[in-house]
Amino acid sequence: MGMSVPQGGARKGGVAPSMNVTPLVDVVLVLLIIFMVVTPLLAKQFWLNLPKKDDTAKLSPPPDDATRPVVLTVDERGVIRINQTEVQRGELKERLARIFAARSDDVLYFDAEDEAVYAVAVEAMDAARMGGAKTIAVLTEKTGR
């Protein structure tokens, strides 16, 4: 808060206070910019539920070969496979849509090698979600390949 003192020898009205709002406006604008930058980053969420180690005994085994589970695999070279059949990235969504249209469950098992490129793995999971997979189960232990 600033004050203005009248010039001259006579005191007519005394000290007249005046408010300086410039620092307040500066702080509000900085906060507005911070919230505008941070808000789009908060909207992107991907929930991942991994089984706990002691829950493995309670899980039911996967279905038999008649209703074989759909396993999406990404290897270190970026090759995408559905049940060991190589699939091009462009046709992954359409292939999964056809597979899930013929099945009663919409569960996809996802397995990526440790050295797989992260962007390719996430792109494959996005394509699987767009292809009709309602549940994506991430495999956490190595299978016997």
C-alpha atoms as a PDB file:
ATOM      1  CA  MET A   1       0.000   0.000   0.000  1.00  0.00           C
ATOM      2  CA  GLY A   2       1.432   3.319  -0.994  1.00  0.00           C
ATOM      3  CA  MET A   3       0.702   6.725   0.376  1.00  0.00           C
ATOM      4  CA  SER A   4       0.900  10.119  -1.184  1.00  0.00           C
ATOM      5  CA  VAL A   5       1.939  13.137   0.818  1.00  0.00           C
ATOM      6  CA  PRO A   6       0.781  16.528  -0.444  1.00  0.00           C
ATOM      7  CA  GLN A   7       3.529  18.905  -1.564  1.00  0.00           C
ATOM      8  CA  GLY A   8       3.785  22.234   0.113  1.00  0.00           C
ATOM      9  CA  GLY A   9       3.647  23.507   3.629  1.00  0.00           C
ATOM     10  CA  ALA A  10      -0.079  23.314   4.341  1.00  0.00           C
ATOM     11  CA  ARG A  11      -1.768  20.136   5.476  1.00  0.00           C
ATOM     12  CA  LYS A  12      -5.088  20.164   3.736  1.00  0.00           C
ATOM     13  CA  GLY A  13      -6.198  16.600   3.855  1.00  0.00           C
ATOM     14  CA  GLY A  14      -3.342  14.854   5.573  1.00  0.00           C
ATOM     15  CA  VAL A  15      -1.917  11.609   4.270  1.00  0.00           C
ATOM     16  CA  ALA A  16      -4.056   9.969   1.543  1.00  0.00           C
ATOM     17  CA  PRO A  17      -3.473   6.187   1.157  1.00  0.00           C
ATOM     18  CA  SER A  18      -3.558   4.640  -2.336  1.00  0.00           C
ATOM     19  CA  MET A  19      -3.353   0.938  -3.160  1.00  0.00           C
ATOM     20  CA  ASN A  20      -0.692  -0.393  -5.522  1.00  0.00           C
ATOM     21  CA  VAL A  21      -2.099  -3.567  -7.185  1.00  0.00           C
ATOM     22  CA  THR A  22       0.784  -4.196  -9.591  1.00  0.00           C
ATOM     23  CA  PRO A  23       2.510  -6.879  -7.417  1.00  0.00           C
ATOM     24  CA  LEU A  24      -0.837  -8.623  -6.898  1.00  0.00           C
ATOM     25  CA  VAL A  25      -1.521  -8.713 -10.640  1.00  0.00           C
ATOM     26  CA  ASP A  26       1.991 -10.042 -11.306  1.00  0.00           C
ATOM     27  CA  VAL A  27       1.564 -12.902  -8.835  1.00  0.00           C
ATOM     28  CA  VAL A  28      -1.889 -13.807 -10.176  1.00  0.00           C
ATOM     29  CA  LEU A  29      -0.635 -13.875 -13.772  1.00  0.00           C
ATOM     30  CA  VAL A  30       2.307 -16.118 -12.844  1.00  0.00           C
ATOM     31  CA  LEU A  31      -0.061 -18.525 -11.044  1.00  0.00           C
ATOM     32  CA  LEU A  32      -2.399 -18.510 -14.046  1.00  0.00           C
ATOM     33  CA  ILE A  33       0.443 -19.415 -16.393  1.00  0.00           C
ATOM     34  CA  ILE A  34       1.605 -22.216 -14.084  1.00  0.00           C
ATOM     35  CA  PHE A  35      -1.883 -23.712 -13.891  1.00  0.00           C
ATOM     36  CA  MET A  36      -2.343 -23.451 -17.667  1.00  0.00           C
ATOM     37  CA  VAL A  37       0.881 -25.375 -18.229  1.00  0.00           C
ATOM     38  CA  VAL A  38       0.268 -28.060 -15.579  1.00  0.00           C
ATOM     39  CA  THR A  39      -3.441 -28.769 -16.246  1.00  0.00           C
ATOM     40  CA  PRO A  40      -3.027 -30.660 -19.582  1.00  0.00           C
ATOM     41  CA  LEU A  41      -0.418 -32.906 -17.969  1.00  0.00           C
ATOM     42  CA  LEU A  42      -2.827 -33.955 -15.214  1.00  0.00           C
ATOM     43  CA  ALA A  43      -5.503 -35.152 -17.645  1.00  0.00           C
ATOM     44  CA  LYS A  44      -3.455 -38.062 -19.037  1.00  0.00           C
ATOM     45  CA  GLN A  45      -3.739 -41.035 -16.709  1.00  0.00           C
ATOM     46  CA  PHE A  46      -3.129 -44.678 -17.313  1.00  0.00           C
ATOM     47  CA  TRP A  47      -4.091 -47.017 -14.491  1.00  0.00           C
ATOM     48  CA  LEU A  48      -2.138 -50.221 -14.228  1.00  0.00           C
ATOM     49  CA  ASN A  49      -3.155 -52.999 -11.856  1.00  0.00           C
ATOM     50  CA  LEU A  50      -0.452 -55.574 -11.314  1.00  0.00           C
ATOM     51  CA  PRO A  51      -1.088 -58.739  -9.311  1.00  0.00           C
ATOM     52  CA  LYS A  52       0.611 -59.016  -5.967  1.00  0.00           C
ATOM     53  CA  LYS A  53       3.141 -61.797  -5.434  1.00  0.00           C
ATOM     54  CA  ASP A  54       1.014 -63.712  -2.909  1.00  0.00           C
ATOM     55  CA  ASP A  55      -2.119 -63.510  -5.105  1.00  0.00           C
ATOM     56  CA  THR A  56      -0.663 -65.828  -7.759  1.00  0.00           C
ATOM     57  CA  ALA A  57      -1.963 -68.956  -6.021  1.00  0.00           C
ATOM     58  CA  LYS A  58      -5.520 -67.573  -6.012  1.00  0.00           C
ATOM     59  CA  LEU A  59      -5.598 -66.810  -9.737  1.00  0.00           C
ATOM     60  CA  SER A  60      -7.436 -69.206 -11.999  1.00  0.00           C
ATOM     61  CA  PRO A  61      -5.423 -70.795 -14.807  1.00  0.00           C
ATOM     62  CA  PRO A  62      -5.863 -69.422 -18.316  1.00  0.00           C
ATOM     63  CA  PRO A  63      -8.485 -71.088 -20.473  1.00  0.00           C
ATOM     64  CA  ASP A  64      -7.699 -74.202 -22.497  1.00  0.00           C
ATOM     65  CA  ASP A  65      -6.650 -74.191 -26.167  1.00  0.00           C
ATOM     66  CA  ALA A  66     -10.240 -74.082 -27.447  1.00  0.00           C
ATOM     67  CA  THR A  67     -10.511 -70.518 -26.169  1.00  0.00           C
ATOM     68  CA  ARG A  68      -6.833 -69.655 -26.328  1.00  0.00           C
ATOM     69  CA  PRO A  69      -5.911 -66.329 -24.722  1.00  0.00           C
ATOM     70  CA  VAL A  70      -4.847 -63.457 -26.938  1.00  0.00           C
ATOM     71  CA  VAL A  71      -1.210 -62.590 -26.214  1.00  0.00           C
ATOM     72  CA  LEU A  72       0.294 -59.443 -27.706  1.00  0.00           C
ATOM     73  CA  THR A  73       4.099 -59.522 -27.706  1.00  0.00           C
ATOM     74  CA  VAL A  74       6.610 -56.770 -28.490  1.00  0.00           C
ATOM     75  CA  ASP A  75      10.247 -57.800 -28.881  1.00  0.00           C
ATOM     76  CA  GLU A  76      13.441 -55.757 -28.704  1.00  0.00           C
ATOM     77  CA  ARG A  77      13.478 -55.089 -32.471  1.00  0.00           C
ATOM     78  CA  GLY A  78       9.967 -53.621 -32.352  1.00  0.00           C
ATOM     79  CA  VAL A  79       8.295 -56.641 -33.960  1.00  0.00           C
ATOM     80  CA  ILE A  80       4.695 -57.058 -32.788  1.00  0.00           C
ATOM     81  CA  ARG A  81       3.149 -60.519 -32.563  1.00  0.00           C
ATOM     82  CA  ILE A  82      -0.324 -61.795 -31.724  1.00  0.00           C
ATOM     83  CA  ASN A  83      -0.085 -65.371 -30.408  1.00  0.00           C
ATOM     84  CA  GLN A  84       3.373 -65.755 -32.040  1.00  0.00           C
ATOM     85  CA  THR A  85       2.080 -64.539 -35.441  1.00  0.00           C
ATOM     86  CA  GLU A  86       3.885 -61.441 -36.677  1.00  0.00           C
ATOM     87  CA  VAL A  87       1.632 -58.447 -37.351  1.00  0.00           C
ATOM     88  CA  GLN A  88       2.440 -55.104 -38.968  1.00  0.00           C
ATOM     89  CA  ARG A  89       1.778 -52.016 -36.836  1.00  0.00           C
ATOM     90  CA  GLY A  90      -0.732 -50.587 -39.303  1.00  0.00           C
ATOM     91  CA  GLU A  91      -2.957 -53.645 -39.289  1.00  0.00           C
ATOM     92  CA  LEU A  92      -2.744 -54.389 -35.533  1.00  0.00           C
ATOM     93  CA  LYS A  93      -5.938 -52.542 -34.620  1.00  0.00           C
ATOM     94  CA  GLU A  94      -8.017 -54.175 -37.358  1.00  0.00           C
ATOM     95  CA  ARG A  95      -6.652 -57.666 -36.600  1.00  0.00           C
ATOM     96  CA  LEU A  96      -7.465 -57.314 -32.890  1.00  0.00           C
ATOM     97  CA  ALA A  97     -10.929 -55.954 -33.698  1.00  0.00           C
ATOM     98  CA  ARG A  98     -11.637 -59.101 -35.737  1.00  0.00           C
ATOM     99  CA  ILE A  99     -10.272 -61.349 -32.991  1.00  0.00           C
ATOM    100  CA  PHE A 100     -12.319 -59.714 -30.232  1.00  0.00           C
ATOM    101  CA  ALA A 101     -15.470 -59.695 -32.375  1.00  0.00           C
ATOM    102  CA  ALA A 102     -15.339 -63.506 -32.427  1.00  0.00           C
ATOM    103  CA  ARG A 103     -14.673 -63.875 -28.670  1.00  0.00           C
ATOM    104  CA  SER A 104     -16.885 -63.500 -25.638  1.00  0.00           C
ATOM    105  CA  ASP A 105     -14.152 -62.005 -23.438  1.00  0.00           C
ATOM    106  CA  ASP A 106     -12.178 -58.868 -24.240  1.00  0.00           C
ATOM    107  CA  VAL A 107      -9.002 -59.719 -22.307  1.00  0.00           C
ATOM    108  CA  LEU A 108      -5.600 -59.207 -23.901  1.00  0.00           C
ATOM    109  CA  TYR A 109      -2.357 -60.425 -22.336  1.00  0.00           C
ATOM    110  CA  PHE A 110       0.502 -58.034 -23.062  1.00  0.00           C
ATOM    111  CA  ASP A 111       4.162 -59.059 -22.936  1.00  0.00           C
ATOM    112  CA  ALA A 112       7.089 -56.839 -23.862  1.00  0.00           C
ATOM    113  CA  GLU A 113      10.720 -57.840 -23.660  1.00  0.00           C
ATOM    114  CA  ASP A 114      12.934 -55.908 -21.263  1.00  0.00           C
ATOM    115  CA  GLU A 115      14.884 -54.351 -24.119  1.00  0.00           C
ATOM    116  CA  ALA A 116      11.778 -53.380 -26.130  1.00  0.00           C
ATOM    117  CA  VAL A 117      11.417 -49.742 -27.126  1.00  0.00           C
ATOM    118  CA  TYR A 118       8.987 -48.055 -24.741  1.00  0.00           C
ATOM    119  CA  ALA A 119       7.260 -46.008 -27.450  1.00  0.00           C
ATOM    120  CA  VAL A 120       6.537 -49.108 -29.535  1.00  0.00           C
ATOM    121  CA  ALA A 121       5.135 -50.951 -26.503  1.00  0.00           C
ATOM    122  CA  VAL A 122       2.821 -48.071 -25.584  1.00  0.00           C
ATOM    123  CA  GLU A 123       1.751 -47.681 -29.214  1.00  0.00           C
ATOM    124  CA  ALA A 124       0.881 -51.388 -29.312  1.00  0.00           C
ATOM    125  CA  MET A 125      -1.168 -51.102 -26.109  1.00  0.00           C
ATOM    126  CA  ASP A 126      -3.016 -48.059 -27.498  1.00  0.00           C
ATOM    127  CA  ALA A 127      -3.800 -49.948 -30.698  1.00  0.00           C
ATOM    128  CA  ALA A 128      -5.005 -52.907 -28.628  1.00  0.00           C
ATOM    129  CA  ARG A 129      -7.328 -50.657 -26.638  1.00  0.00           C
ATOM    130  CA  MET A 130      -8.689 -49.145 -29.866  1.00  0.00           C
ATOM    131  CA  GLY A 131      -8.995 -52.648 -31.320  1.00  0.00           C
ATOM    132  CA  GLY A 132     -11.479 -53.690 -28.647  1.00  0.00           C
ATOM    133  CA  ALA A 133      -9.452 -54.934 -25.686  1.00  0.00           C
ATOM    134  CA  LYS A 134     -11.345 -53.930 -22.563  1.00  0.00           C
ATOM    135  CA  THR A 135      -8.797 -55.426 -20.143  1.00  0.00           C
ATOM    136  CA  ILE A 136      -5.066 -55.481 -20.793  1.00  0.00           C
ATOM    137  CA  ALA A 137      -3.257 -57.875 -18.451  1.00  0.00           C
ATOM    138  CA  VAL A 138       0.454 -57.141 -18.324  1.00  0.00           C
ATOM    139  CA  LEU A 139       2.556 -60.293 -17.967  1.00  0.00           C
ATOM    140  CA  THR A 140       5.162 -59.732 -15.268  1.00  0.00           C
ATOM    141  CA  GLU A 141       7.076 -63.028 -15.342  1.00  0.00           C
ATOM    142  CA  LYS A 142       8.921 -64.637 -18.209  1.00  0.00           C
ATOM    143  CA  THR A 143       7.095 -67.412 -19.966  1.00  0.00           C
ATOM    144  CA  GLY A 144       8.808 -70.497 -21.310  1.00  0.00           C
ATOM    145  CA  ARG A 145       9.690 -69.422 -24.844  1.00  0.00           C
END
